[in-house]
N, C-alpha and C. Protein backbone atom coordinates (compact mmCIF):
# COMPACT_ATOMS: atom_id res chain seq x y z
N MET A 1 -24.26 2.58 -16.20
CA MET A 1 -24.79 4.14 -15.09
C MET A 1 -24.22 3.68 -13.72
N VAL A 2 -23.70 4.51 -13.15
CA VAL A 2 -22.80 4.87 -12.53
C VAL A 2 -24.37 5.34 -10.91
N GLU A 3 -24.51 4.18 -9.98
CA GLU A 3 -25.32 4.99 -8.72
C GLU A 3 -24.55 5.25 -7.42
N LYS A 4 -25.42 6.63 -7.33
CA LYS A 4 -25.18 7.53 -6.31
C LYS A 4 -25.63 7.21 -5.11
N LYS A 5 -24.68 6.90 -3.64
CA LYS A 5 -26.19 6.83 -2.69
C LYS A 5 -25.36 7.25 -1.71
N THR A 6 -26.36 7.85 -0.74
CA THR A 6 -25.44 8.42 0.85
C THR A 6 -26.34 7.74 2.01
N HIS A 7 -26.78 6.72 1.52
CA HIS A 7 -26.90 5.71 2.80
C HIS A 7 -26.38 5.13 3.73
N GLU A 8 -26.12 4.98 4.98
CA GLU A 8 -24.90 4.04 5.79
C GLU A 8 -25.74 2.67 6.25
N ALA A 9 -24.24 2.09 6.04
CA ALA A 9 -25.03 0.53 6.22
C ALA A 9 -23.66 0.16 7.33
N ASN A 10 -24.08 -0.22 8.87
CA ASN A 10 -23.21 -0.60 9.79
C ASN A 10 -21.94 0.23 9.69
N ARG A 11 -22.81 1.65 9.50
CA ARG A 11 -21.23 2.77 9.80
C ARG A 11 -19.90 2.58 8.54
N ILE A 12 -20.69 2.23 7.52
CA ILE A 12 -19.70 2.69 6.26
C ILE A 12 -20.78 2.93 5.20
N GLN A 13 -19.90 4.43 4.74
CA GLN A 13 -21.11 5.56 4.07
C GLN A 13 -21.16 4.60 2.84
N VAL A 14 -21.75 4.19 1.88
CA VAL A 14 -21.62 3.74 0.30
C VAL A 14 -22.11 4.88 -0.56
N HIS A 15 -20.61 4.85 -1.27
CA HIS A 15 -20.07 7.09 -1.47
C HIS A 15 -20.44 6.28 -3.26
N TYR A 16 -20.43 5.25 -4.32
CA TYR A 16 -20.58 4.73 -5.24
C TYR A 16 -20.89 3.53 -5.08
N SER A 17 -21.40 2.40 -6.39
CA SER A 17 -21.76 1.38 -6.60
C SER A 17 -21.94 1.12 -8.34
N ALA A 18 -21.07 0.40 -8.74
CA ALA A 18 -21.30 0.26 -10.07
C ALA A 18 -20.48 -1.03 -10.49
N THR A 19 -21.55 -1.35 -11.91
CA THR A 19 -21.35 -2.59 -12.33
C THR A 19 -20.06 -2.50 -13.21
N ALA A 20 -18.91 -3.11 -12.63
CA ALA A 20 -17.52 -2.98 -13.36
C ALA A 20 -17.08 -3.28 -14.93
N LEU A 21 -18.14 -3.61 -15.14
CA LEU A 21 -18.05 -4.58 -16.57
C LEU A 21 -19.11 -4.23 -17.50
N GLN A 22 -19.88 -3.56 -17.25
CA GLN A 22 -20.19 -2.38 -18.54
C GLN A 22 -19.88 -1.10 -18.73
N PRO A 23 -20.12 -1.42 -20.42
CA PRO A 23 -19.11 -0.51 -20.90
C PRO A 23 -19.09 1.34 -20.45
N ASP A 24 -20.61 1.44 -19.71
CA ASP A 24 -20.29 2.54 -19.40
C ASP A 24 -20.43 3.28 -18.28
N SER A 25 -19.41 2.11 -18.01
CA SER A 25 -19.08 2.90 -16.13
C SER A 25 -17.31 2.43 -16.09
N ALA A 26 -16.83 2.70 -17.53
CA ALA A 26 -15.35 2.85 -17.31
C ALA A 26 -15.05 3.64 -17.00
N HIS A 27 -15.64 5.03 -16.83
CA HIS A 27 -15.49 6.13 -16.53
C HIS A 27 -15.15 6.27 -15.32
N LEU A 28 -15.67 5.38 -14.12
CA LEU A 28 -15.48 5.04 -12.63
C LEU A 28 -14.06 4.78 -12.24
N VAL A 29 -13.36 4.44 -13.56
CA VAL A 29 -11.83 4.16 -12.97
C VAL A 29 -10.97 5.44 -12.02
N PRO A 30 -10.83 6.44 -13.43
CA PRO A 30 -10.44 7.71 -12.94
C PRO A 30 -11.05 8.67 -11.87
N LYS A 31 -12.46 8.39 -11.63
CA LYS A 31 -13.02 9.03 -11.19
C LYS A 31 -12.58 8.71 -9.65
N LEU A 32 -13.01 7.48 -9.18
CA LEU A 32 -12.06 6.36 -8.19
C LEU A 32 -10.52 7.18 -7.77
N ALA A 33 -10.10 7.39 -8.75
CA ALA A 33 -9.03 7.66 -8.97
C ALA A 33 -8.81 9.03 -8.00
N ARG A 34 -9.39 9.48 -9.08
CA ARG A 34 -8.24 11.27 -8.57
C ARG A 34 -8.98 11.22 -7.13
N GLU A 35 -10.51 11.05 -6.70
CA GLU A 35 -10.93 10.82 -5.90
C GLU A 35 -10.57 10.74 -4.16
N THR A 36 -9.84 9.10 -4.64
CA THR A 36 -9.34 8.50 -3.80
C THR A 36 -7.78 8.65 -3.64
N GLY A 37 -7.09 8.93 -4.58
CA GLY A 37 -5.61 9.04 -4.53
C GLY A 37 -4.84 7.33 -4.80
N VAL A 38 -5.83 6.78 -4.59
CA VAL A 38 -5.80 5.25 -5.17
C VAL A 38 -5.25 5.35 -6.72
N ASP A 39 -4.58 4.00 -6.42
CA ASP A 39 -3.73 4.01 -8.40
C ASP A 39 -3.67 2.69 -8.78
N SER A 40 -3.83 1.60 -8.09
CA SER A 40 -4.29 0.38 -8.10
C SER A 40 -5.75 -0.10 -8.51
N MET A 41 -6.47 1.34 -9.08
CA MET A 41 -8.08 0.55 -9.32
C MET A 41 -8.13 -0.71 -10.44
N GLY A 42 -7.01 -0.51 -11.76
CA GLY A 42 -7.00 -1.42 -12.93
C GLY A 42 -7.27 -2.45 -12.34
N ALA A 43 -6.13 -2.84 -10.83
CA ALA A 43 -5.56 -4.16 -10.32
C ALA A 43 -6.93 -4.82 -9.89
N ILE A 44 -7.91 -3.88 -8.84
CA ILE A 44 -9.10 -4.30 -8.51
C ILE A 44 -9.90 -4.75 -9.17
N LEU A 45 -10.55 -3.91 -10.74
CA LEU A 45 -11.23 -4.36 -11.44
C LEU A 45 -10.86 -5.66 -12.17
N GLN A 46 -10.12 -5.82 -12.20
CA GLN A 46 -9.48 -7.01 -13.17
C GLN A 46 -9.21 -8.16 -12.38
N CYS A 47 -9.36 -8.53 -10.58
CA CYS A 47 -8.81 -9.49 -10.15
C CYS A 47 -9.66 -10.05 -10.11
N GLY A 48 -8.86 -11.21 -9.71
CA GLY A 48 -9.81 -12.71 -9.55
C GLY A 48 -10.08 -12.24 -7.98
N GLU A 49 -9.92 -13.80 -7.68
CA GLU A 49 -9.87 -13.70 -6.13
C GLU A 49 -8.98 -13.03 -5.44
N SER A 50 -8.33 -12.40 -4.12
CA SER A 50 -7.33 -11.70 -3.97
C SER A 50 -6.81 -11.87 -2.67
N ARG A 51 -5.89 -13.06 -3.00
CA ARG A 51 -5.47 -14.23 -1.57
C ARG A 51 -3.81 -14.05 -1.77
N SER A 52 -3.85 -13.95 -0.53
CA SER A 52 -1.98 -14.28 -0.39
C SER A 52 -2.13 -15.33 0.90
N ASP A 53 -1.20 -16.15 0.87
CA ASP A 53 -1.22 -17.08 2.35
C ASP A 53 0.41 -16.61 2.90
N VAL A 54 1.12 -15.59 2.33
CA VAL A 54 2.44 -15.20 2.54
C VAL A 54 2.23 -13.46 2.93
N ALA A 55 2.44 -13.49 4.37
CA ALA A 55 2.38 -11.63 4.80
C ALA A 55 4.23 -11.43 5.13
N ILE A 56 4.62 -10.28 4.20
CA ILE A 56 6.17 -10.17 4.42
C ILE A 56 6.19 -8.30 5.55
N ASP A 57 6.60 -8.30 6.69
CA ASP A 57 7.29 -6.54 6.91
C ASP A 57 8.15 -6.94 7.04
N ALA A 58 8.80 -5.47 7.75
CA ALA A 58 10.28 -5.54 7.22
C ALA A 58 11.20 -6.22 8.04
N CYS A 59 10.76 -6.85 8.67
CA CYS A 59 11.75 -8.09 9.71
C CYS A 59 11.28 -9.66 9.53
N ARG A 60 10.22 -9.52 9.13
CA ARG A 60 10.03 -11.45 9.17
C ARG A 60 8.99 -11.33 7.88
N ILE A 61 8.84 -12.58 7.85
CA ILE A 61 7.79 -13.62 6.94
C ILE A 61 6.99 -14.64 7.61
N VAL A 62 5.76 -13.98 7.11
CA VAL A 62 4.60 -15.06 8.27
C VAL A 62 3.63 -15.72 6.86
N TRP A 63 4.03 -17.12 6.85
CA TRP A 63 3.13 -17.43 5.83
C TRP A 63 2.15 -18.69 6.39
N GLY A 64 1.16 -19.02 6.07
CA GLY A 64 0.72 -20.22 6.45
C GLY A 64 -0.10 -21.21 5.00
N SER A 65 -0.86 -22.33 5.21
CA SER A 65 -0.41 -23.33 4.82
C SER A 65 -1.82 -24.07 4.02
N ALA A 66 -2.08 -24.87 3.45
CA ALA A 66 -3.28 -25.68 3.72
C ALA A 66 -3.90 -26.79 4.36
N ASP A 67 -2.83 -27.38 5.71
CA ASP A 67 -2.84 -27.77 6.74
C ASP A 67 -3.64 -27.09 8.34
N GLY A 68 -3.34 -25.63 7.59
CA GLY A 68 -3.96 -24.83 8.63
C GLY A 68 -2.48 -24.44 9.49
N MET A 69 -0.92 -24.83 9.32
CA MET A 69 -0.04 -23.82 9.53
C MET A 69 0.57 -22.90 9.44
N LEU A 70 0.84 -22.44 10.48
CA LEU A 70 1.37 -20.92 10.00
C LEU A 70 2.36 -20.63 10.81
N GLN A 71 3.79 -19.90 10.00
CA GLN A 71 4.96 -19.85 10.66
C GLN A 71 5.76 -18.32 10.56
N SER A 72 6.42 -18.06 11.73
CA SER A 72 7.26 -16.91 11.31
C SER A 72 8.93 -16.68 11.11
N TRP A 73 8.82 -16.26 10.03
CA TRP A 73 10.75 -16.37 9.85
C TRP A 73 11.06 -14.66 10.03
N ASP A 74 12.30 -14.80 9.84
CA ASP A 74 13.49 -14.14 10.31
C ASP A 74 13.84 -13.75 9.27
N GLN A 75 13.60 -13.02 8.48
CA GLN A 75 14.08 -11.93 6.82
C GLN A 75 15.74 -12.13 6.51
N GLU A 76 16.29 -11.43 8.12
CA GLU A 76 17.43 -11.31 7.71
C GLU A 76 18.35 -13.17 7.93
N SER A 77 18.08 -13.88 9.21
CA SER A 77 18.81 -14.85 9.04
C SER A 77 18.59 -16.25 8.66
N GLY A 78 16.91 -16.02 7.85
CA GLY A 78 16.24 -16.86 7.73
C GLY A 78 16.15 -17.76 8.42
N LYS A 79 16.13 -17.70 9.81
CA LYS A 79 15.95 -18.89 10.48
C LYS A 79 14.31 -18.54 10.93
N MET A 80 13.52 -19.75 11.07
CA MET A 80 11.91 -19.70 11.61
C MET A 80 11.96 -18.95 13.10
N ILE A 81 11.19 -17.84 13.53
CA ILE A 81 10.72 -17.62 14.77
C ILE A 81 10.15 -18.69 16.00
N CYS A 82 9.23 -18.99 15.16
CA CYS A 82 8.26 -19.61 15.39
C CYS A 82 7.04 -20.31 15.00
N LEU A 83 6.32 -21.06 15.12
CA LEU A 83 4.89 -21.46 15.11
C LEU A 83 3.92 -21.22 15.64
N LEU A 84 2.77 -20.88 15.04
CA LEU A 84 2.00 -20.05 15.11
C LEU A 84 0.35 -21.32 15.25
N GLU A 85 0.80 -22.08 16.82
CA GLU A 85 -0.18 -22.61 16.64
C GLU A 85 -1.83 -22.58 17.27
N GLY A 86 -2.44 -23.63 16.27
CA GLY A 86 -4.04 -23.42 17.54
C GLY A 86 -5.37 -23.44 16.16
N ASN A 87 -4.61 -22.94 14.93
CA ASN A 87 -5.37 -23.02 13.37
C ASN A 87 -4.88 -24.20 13.03
N THR A 88 -6.39 -24.69 12.28
CA THR A 88 -6.45 -26.03 11.47
C THR A 88 -7.38 -26.56 10.33
N GLU A 89 -7.71 -24.86 9.92
CA GLU A 89 -8.48 -25.14 8.91
C GLU A 89 -6.86 -24.55 6.98
N TRP A 90 -7.28 -24.17 6.31
CA TRP A 90 -6.61 -23.89 5.33
C TRP A 90 -6.44 -22.31 5.92
N VAL A 91 -5.49 -21.83 5.14
CA VAL A 91 -5.02 -20.19 5.82
C VAL A 91 -5.73 -19.79 4.23
N THR A 92 -6.27 -19.11 4.58
CA THR A 92 -6.49 -18.48 2.46
C THR A 92 -5.72 -16.67 2.29
N THR A 93 -5.82 -16.37 3.59
CA THR A 93 -5.11 -14.69 3.50
C THR A 93 -4.51 -14.43 4.28
N LEU A 94 -3.40 -13.77 4.85
CA LEU A 94 -2.60 -12.92 5.74
C LEU A 94 -2.60 -11.72 5.77
N ALA A 95 -2.52 -11.32 7.00
CA ALA A 95 -1.54 -9.58 6.73
C ALA A 95 -1.35 -9.47 8.15
N VAL A 96 0.17 -9.03 7.79
CA VAL A 96 0.70 -8.50 9.46
C VAL A 96 0.54 -6.58 9.59
N THR A 97 0.59 -6.31 11.12
CA THR A 97 -0.18 -5.30 11.41
C THR A 97 1.57 -4.26 10.94
N PRO A 98 1.38 -2.71 10.96
CA PRO A 98 2.48 -1.96 10.45
C PRO A 98 3.50 -1.83 12.06
N ASP A 99 2.78 -2.31 12.56
CA ASP A 99 4.47 -2.48 13.74
C ASP A 99 4.73 -4.03 13.94
N GLY A 100 4.92 -4.62 12.80
CA GLY A 100 5.22 -6.28 13.16
C GLY A 100 4.82 -6.78 14.04
N HIS A 101 4.85 -6.49 14.91
CA HIS A 101 3.96 -7.12 16.05
C HIS A 101 3.04 -8.31 16.06
N ARG A 102 2.02 -7.78 15.38
CA ARG A 102 0.75 -8.84 15.23
C ARG A 102 0.39 -9.20 14.09
N ALA A 103 0.37 -10.55 13.93
CA ALA A 103 -0.12 -11.03 12.41
C ALA A 103 -1.93 -11.22 12.46
N VAL A 104 -2.91 -11.07 11.47
CA VAL A 104 -4.45 -11.66 10.99
C VAL A 104 -3.91 -12.49 9.71
N SER A 105 -4.66 -13.50 10.21
CA SER A 105 -4.97 -14.96 9.50
C SER A 105 -6.36 -15.61 9.49
N ALA A 106 -6.51 -15.78 8.07
CA ALA A 106 -7.79 -16.13 7.89
C ALA A 106 -8.33 -16.78 7.23
N SER A 107 -8.72 -18.38 7.41
CA SER A 107 -9.16 -19.67 7.22
C SER A 107 -10.38 -19.90 5.82
N ALA A 108 -10.58 -20.42 6.01
CA ALA A 108 -11.27 -21.47 4.85
C ALA A 108 -12.73 -21.22 5.36
N ASN A 109 -13.16 -21.82 7.10
CA ASN A 109 -14.46 -21.91 7.52
C ASN A 109 -14.68 -20.25 8.15
N GLY A 110 -14.02 -19.23 7.66
CA GLY A 110 -14.55 -17.81 7.86
C GLY A 110 -14.21 -16.97 9.38
N THR A 111 -12.96 -17.86 9.41
CA THR A 111 -12.83 -17.39 11.31
C THR A 111 -11.82 -16.77 11.00
N LEU A 112 -10.90 -15.35 11.50
CA LEU A 112 -10.07 -14.94 11.86
C LEU A 112 -9.02 -15.13 13.19
N ARG A 113 -8.28 -14.99 13.10
CA ARG A 113 -7.12 -15.35 14.84
C ARG A 113 -6.46 -13.79 14.48
N VAL A 114 -6.27 -13.48 15.31
CA VAL A 114 -4.87 -12.19 15.54
C VAL A 114 -3.52 -12.87 16.57
N TRP A 115 -2.99 -12.60 16.15
CA TRP A 115 -1.48 -13.59 16.49
C TRP A 115 -0.90 -12.36 17.04
N GLU A 116 0.14 -13.24 18.37
CA GLU A 116 1.25 -12.05 18.43
C GLU A 116 2.27 -12.54 17.96
N LEU A 117 3.12 -11.95 17.48
CA LEU A 117 4.59 -13.27 16.69
C LEU A 117 5.24 -13.28 17.90
N GLU A 118 5.79 -12.93 18.45
CA GLU A 118 6.78 -12.91 19.26
C GLU A 118 6.92 -14.35 19.74
N HIS A 119 5.77 -14.96 20.52
CA HIS A 119 5.48 -16.35 21.03
C HIS A 119 4.94 -17.05 20.19
N GLY A 120 3.96 -16.98 19.23
CA GLY A 120 2.92 -17.04 18.29
C GLY A 120 1.90 -17.28 18.71
N LYS A 121 1.42 -17.14 19.57
CA LYS A 121 -0.18 -16.75 20.68
C LYS A 121 -1.64 -16.34 19.65
N THR A 122 -2.32 -16.75 20.20
CA THR A 122 -3.64 -16.07 18.90
C THR A 122 -4.01 -14.84 20.63
N VAL A 123 -4.00 -14.23 19.93
CA VAL A 123 -5.13 -13.03 21.05
C VAL A 123 -6.21 -12.69 20.99
N GLN A 124 -6.87 -12.62 20.09
CA GLN A 124 -8.25 -12.88 19.12
C GLN A 124 -8.97 -13.79 18.39
N THR A 125 -9.66 -14.08 18.38
CA THR A 125 -10.58 -14.75 17.67
C THR A 125 -11.45 -14.65 17.23
N LEU A 126 -12.04 -13.32 15.64
CA LEU A 126 -13.15 -13.18 14.80
C LEU A 126 -13.91 -14.02 14.21
N LYS A 127 -15.00 -14.14 14.87
CA LYS A 127 -15.63 -14.75 14.29
C LYS A 127 -16.84 -14.37 13.61
N GLY A 128 -17.64 -14.33 12.36
CA GLY A 128 -18.80 -13.67 12.09
C GLY A 128 -19.67 -14.27 10.57
N HIS A 129 -18.10 -14.43 9.91
CA HIS A 129 -18.15 -14.64 8.35
C HIS A 129 -18.99 -16.12 8.06
N ALA A 130 -19.91 -16.39 7.62
CA ALA A 130 -20.41 -17.28 7.04
C ALA A 130 -19.87 -18.46 6.26
N HIS A 131 -18.47 -18.06 5.59
CA HIS A 131 -18.04 -18.78 4.01
C HIS A 131 -16.54 -17.93 4.33
N ARG A 132 -15.76 -19.14 3.53
CA ARG A 132 -14.48 -18.72 3.72
C ARG A 132 -14.12 -17.30 3.27
N VAL A 133 -13.06 -16.43 3.68
CA VAL A 133 -12.32 -15.41 3.85
C VAL A 133 -11.59 -15.18 2.55
N SER A 134 -11.93 -14.25 1.73
CA SER A 134 -10.53 -14.25 0.22
C SER A 134 -9.74 -13.12 0.13
N ALA A 135 -10.69 -12.64 0.87
CA ALA A 135 -9.42 -10.94 0.60
C ALA A 135 -9.07 -10.56 2.51
N LEU A 136 -8.33 -9.94 2.59
CA LEU A 136 -7.86 -9.49 4.00
C LEU A 136 -6.73 -8.07 4.16
N VAL A 137 -6.84 -7.10 5.06
CA VAL A 137 -5.68 -6.01 4.89
C VAL A 137 -6.00 -5.59 6.75
N VAL A 138 -4.65 -4.83 6.96
CA VAL A 138 -4.89 -4.10 8.03
C VAL A 138 -4.50 -2.57 7.73
N THR A 139 -5.58 -1.84 8.79
CA THR A 139 -5.85 -0.78 8.14
C THR A 139 -4.06 0.06 8.83
N PRO A 140 -3.44 1.17 7.76
CA PRO A 140 -2.47 1.68 8.01
C PRO A 140 -2.16 1.98 9.26
N ASP A 141 -3.00 2.40 10.11
CA ASP A 141 -2.56 2.69 11.51
C ASP A 141 -2.86 1.21 12.51
N GLY A 142 -3.16 0.40 12.18
CA GLY A 142 -2.80 -0.76 12.98
C GLY A 142 -3.95 -1.59 13.88
N LYS A 143 -5.25 -0.62 13.47
CA LYS A 143 -6.02 -0.29 14.42
C LYS A 143 -7.32 -2.22 14.02
N ARG A 144 -7.59 -1.74 13.11
CA ARG A 144 -8.39 -2.37 12.29
C ARG A 144 -7.67 -3.57 11.36
N ALA A 145 -8.55 -4.82 11.17
CA ALA A 145 -8.76 -6.06 10.46
C ALA A 145 -9.85 -5.88 9.11
N ILE A 146 -9.93 -5.58 7.98
CA ILE A 146 -10.64 -5.75 7.54
C ILE A 146 -10.85 -6.87 6.25
N SER A 147 -11.88 -7.44 5.95
CA SER A 147 -12.12 -8.93 5.18
C SER A 147 -13.39 -9.10 4.81
N GLY A 148 -12.87 -9.31 3.61
CA GLY A 148 -13.67 -9.72 2.37
C GLY A 148 -13.87 -11.26 2.81
N SER A 149 -15.51 -11.62 1.95
CA SER A 149 -15.47 -13.37 2.14
C SER A 149 -16.75 -13.64 0.63
N TYR A 150 -16.41 -15.22 0.71
CA TYR A 150 -17.79 -15.56 -0.16
C TYR A 150 -19.11 -15.69 0.37
N ASP A 151 -19.32 -14.87 1.55
CA ASP A 151 -20.69 -14.92 2.02
C ASP A 151 -21.21 -13.18 1.69
N HIS A 152 -20.26 -12.89 0.51
CA HIS A 152 -20.91 -11.39 -0.19
C HIS A 152 -20.88 -10.15 0.69
N THR A 153 -20.02 -10.18 1.91
CA THR A 153 -19.68 -9.46 2.85
C THR A 153 -18.14 -9.21 3.24
N LEU A 154 -18.07 -7.54 3.64
CA LEU A 154 -16.74 -7.31 4.28
C LEU A 154 -17.24 -6.68 5.58
N ARG A 155 -16.26 -7.31 6.68
CA ARG A 155 -16.09 -6.61 7.63
C ARG A 155 -14.69 -5.70 7.62
N VAL A 156 -15.51 -5.26 9.17
CA VAL A 156 -14.51 -4.43 9.78
C VAL A 156 -14.62 -4.32 11.19
N TRP A 157 -13.17 -5.20 11.37
CA TRP A 157 -12.53 -5.52 13.09
C TRP A 157 -11.89 -4.61 13.90
N ASP A 158 -11.86 -4.58 15.20
CA ASP A 158 -11.73 -3.58 16.19
C ASP A 158 -10.39 -5.23 16.87
N LEU A 159 -9.34 -4.61 16.57
CA LEU A 159 -8.20 -5.39 16.55
C LEU A 159 -8.14 -5.53 18.25
N ALA A 160 -8.07 -4.41 19.23
CA ALA A 160 -7.88 -4.24 19.85
C ALA A 160 -8.88 -5.15 21.30
N THR A 161 -10.05 -5.28 20.48
CA THR A 161 -11.11 -6.18 21.03
C THR A 161 -11.25 -7.30 20.53
N GLY A 162 -11.22 -7.41 19.34
CA GLY A 162 -11.87 -8.46 18.69
C GLY A 162 -13.35 -8.45 18.33
N ASP A 163 -14.06 -6.88 18.17
CA ASP A 163 -14.90 -6.61 17.82
C ASP A 163 -15.69 -5.98 16.39
N TYR A 164 -16.44 -6.59 15.81
CA TYR A 164 -16.82 -6.71 14.44
C TYR A 164 -18.01 -5.28 14.88
N VAL A 165 -17.23 -3.82 14.19
CA VAL A 165 -17.75 -2.83 14.51
C VAL A 165 -18.41 -1.99 12.72
N ALA A 166 -18.43 -2.34 12.04
CA ALA A 166 -19.03 -2.10 10.67
C ALA A 166 -18.71 -3.25 9.22
N GLY A 167 -19.50 -3.04 8.74
CA GLY A 167 -20.07 -4.19 7.16
C GLY A 167 -20.36 -3.58 6.71
N PHE A 168 -20.46 -4.71 5.29
CA PHE A 168 -21.52 -3.91 4.14
C PHE A 168 -21.23 -5.27 3.34
N SER A 169 -22.54 -5.28 2.54
CA SER A 169 -23.23 -6.17 2.33
C SER A 169 -23.11 -6.32 0.79
N ALA A 170 -22.17 -6.91 -0.22
CA ALA A 170 -22.34 -7.18 -1.98
C ALA A 170 -23.31 -7.84 -2.50
N GLU A 171 -23.26 -7.88 -3.46
CA GLU A 171 -24.12 -8.49 -4.32
C GLU A 171 -24.25 -9.85 -4.78
N GLY A 172 -22.65 -9.95 -4.34
CA GLY A 172 -21.68 -11.59 -5.23
C GLY A 172 -20.64 -11.53 -3.61
N PRO A 173 -19.86 -12.78 -4.05
CA PRO A 173 -18.64 -13.19 -3.64
C PRO A 173 -17.46 -12.00 -2.99
N VAL A 174 -17.47 -11.04 -1.67
CA VAL A 174 -16.14 -10.01 -2.22
C VAL A 174 -14.67 -10.99 -2.18
N LEU A 175 -14.26 -10.50 -4.06
CA LEU A 175 -13.47 -11.12 -3.99
C LEU A 175 -11.80 -10.31 -3.60
N GLY A 176 -12.41 -9.00 -3.58
CA GLY A 176 -10.56 -7.99 -3.64
C GLY A 176 -11.11 -6.96 -3.34
N PHE A 177 -10.07 -5.63 -2.56
CA PHE A 177 -10.49 -4.26 -2.35
C PHE A 177 -9.06 -3.78 -1.79
N THR A 178 -9.11 -2.41 -1.88
CA THR A 178 -8.03 -1.89 -1.16
C THR A 178 -8.37 -0.88 -0.74
N VAL A 179 -7.62 -0.14 0.30
CA VAL A 179 -7.49 0.71 1.61
C VAL A 179 -6.53 2.02 1.36
N THR A 180 -7.19 2.97 1.15
CA THR A 180 -6.35 4.19 1.13
C THR A 180 -5.12 4.29 2.67
N ARG A 181 -4.49 5.40 2.58
CA ARG A 181 -3.21 5.25 3.35
C ARG A 181 -3.82 5.75 4.90
N ALA A 182 -5.26 6.68 4.62
CA ALA A 182 -5.37 7.19 5.71
C ALA A 182 -6.62 6.30 6.28
N GLY A 183 -6.77 4.73 5.86
CA GLY A 183 -7.53 4.18 6.62
C GLY A 183 -9.61 4.32 6.48
N ARG A 184 -9.24 5.28 6.04
CA ARG A 184 -11.02 5.96 5.81
C ARG A 184 -11.87 5.09 4.29
N THR A 185 -10.97 5.12 3.53
CA THR A 185 -12.12 4.69 2.16
C THR A 185 -11.06 2.72 1.79
N ILE A 186 -12.44 2.40 1.37
CA ILE A 186 -12.36 1.09 0.70
C ILE A 186 -12.81 1.00 -0.63
N ILE A 187 -11.94 0.11 -1.58
CA ILE A 187 -12.44 0.43 -2.81
C ILE A 187 -12.78 -1.34 -2.78
N ALA A 188 -13.49 -2.13 -3.14
CA ALA A 188 -14.29 -3.21 -3.45
C ALA A 188 -14.89 -3.72 -4.52
N ARG A 189 -14.37 -5.30 -4.72
CA ARG A 189 -14.75 -5.70 -6.08
C ARG A 189 -15.52 -6.98 -5.45
N ASP A 190 -16.88 -7.19 -5.93
CA ASP A 190 -17.39 -8.20 -6.02
C ASP A 190 -17.47 -9.19 -7.50
N LYS A 191 -18.02 -10.47 -6.42
CA LYS A 191 -18.62 -11.71 -7.94
C LYS A 191 -18.72 -11.17 -9.23
N SER A 192 -20.02 -10.14 -8.56
CA SER A 192 -20.85 -9.46 -9.70
C SER A 192 -20.72 -9.06 -10.61
N GLY A 193 -19.66 -8.12 -10.71
CA GLY A 193 -18.70 -7.27 -11.10
C GLY A 193 -18.86 -5.59 -10.62
N GLY A 194 -19.59 -5.64 -9.47
CA GLY A 194 -19.54 -4.58 -8.65
C GLY A 194 -18.42 -3.79 -8.44
N VAL A 195 -18.21 -2.45 -7.98
CA VAL A 195 -17.11 -2.06 -7.50
C VAL A 195 -17.97 -0.92 -6.47
N HIS A 196 -17.29 -0.98 -5.81
CA HIS A 196 -17.93 0.07 -4.30
C HIS A 196 -16.79 0.42 -4.01
N LEU A 197 -16.80 2.54 -3.79
CA LEU A 197 -16.94 3.16 -3.02
C LEU A 197 -17.33 3.32 -1.54
N LEU A 198 -16.18 2.99 -0.16
CA LEU A 198 -17.46 2.61 0.88
C LEU A 198 -15.79 3.85 1.98
N HIS A 199 -17.10 4.57 2.83
CA HIS A 199 -16.18 5.72 3.89
C HIS A 199 -16.18 4.95 4.91
N LEU A 200 -15.47 4.69 5.80
CA LEU A 200 -15.90 4.49 7.42
C LEU A 200 -15.69 5.03 8.25
N ASP A 201 -17.22 5.24 8.47
CA ASP A 201 -17.49 6.14 9.79
C ASP A 201 -17.40 5.64 10.78
N ILE A 202 -16.15 5.41 12.06
CA ILE A 202 -15.77 5.12 12.68
C ILE A 202 -15.35 5.65 13.90
N LYS A 203 -15.60 6.61 14.83
CA LYS A 203 -15.00 7.01 15.97
C LYS A 203 -14.15 6.70 16.40
N ASN A 204 -12.71 7.37 16.69
CA ASN A 204 -11.60 7.18 17.04
C ASN A 204 -10.75 5.98 16.69
């Protein structure tokens, strides 16, 4: 049974929560797909941990490793542009901003770092998760990063200031999520089987 909610949690509006593994919630998939325009709902429902330690944009490839090393490579020439130095924890997931100027990395200790890719310098360190980060995206406008963690929370960060601006608590570890092109709607999956349709109510 789909539970419809209208309350806000830290400026994230919860529109739907459901247990995806229950037979009577199967209709949630086409319903959410129609209302949000997201066509990857099947992947969200079936995903295990959503993680990638490689991020690719039009010009470069950024990858991280279990020893904490991060590197940026030029796609066309195949040459390394720079080392991203300062991280010492296992890199669990990565994302690159749409303009290709910055990357966000997440680590096993729950810390996120924002990197300036031209010189490989850390410009922000984002702290707040109590467990490792399992999923990470940058919104299409490049202004925010969204992270999901084994601490059962999803967090929204302002990339300009490094501030934590909104959050949502799930019933279990957040395994994966997707964000609509407008960057205002998030569909998240947690380990308990819950699927959550969330709307960001953030000014500017």
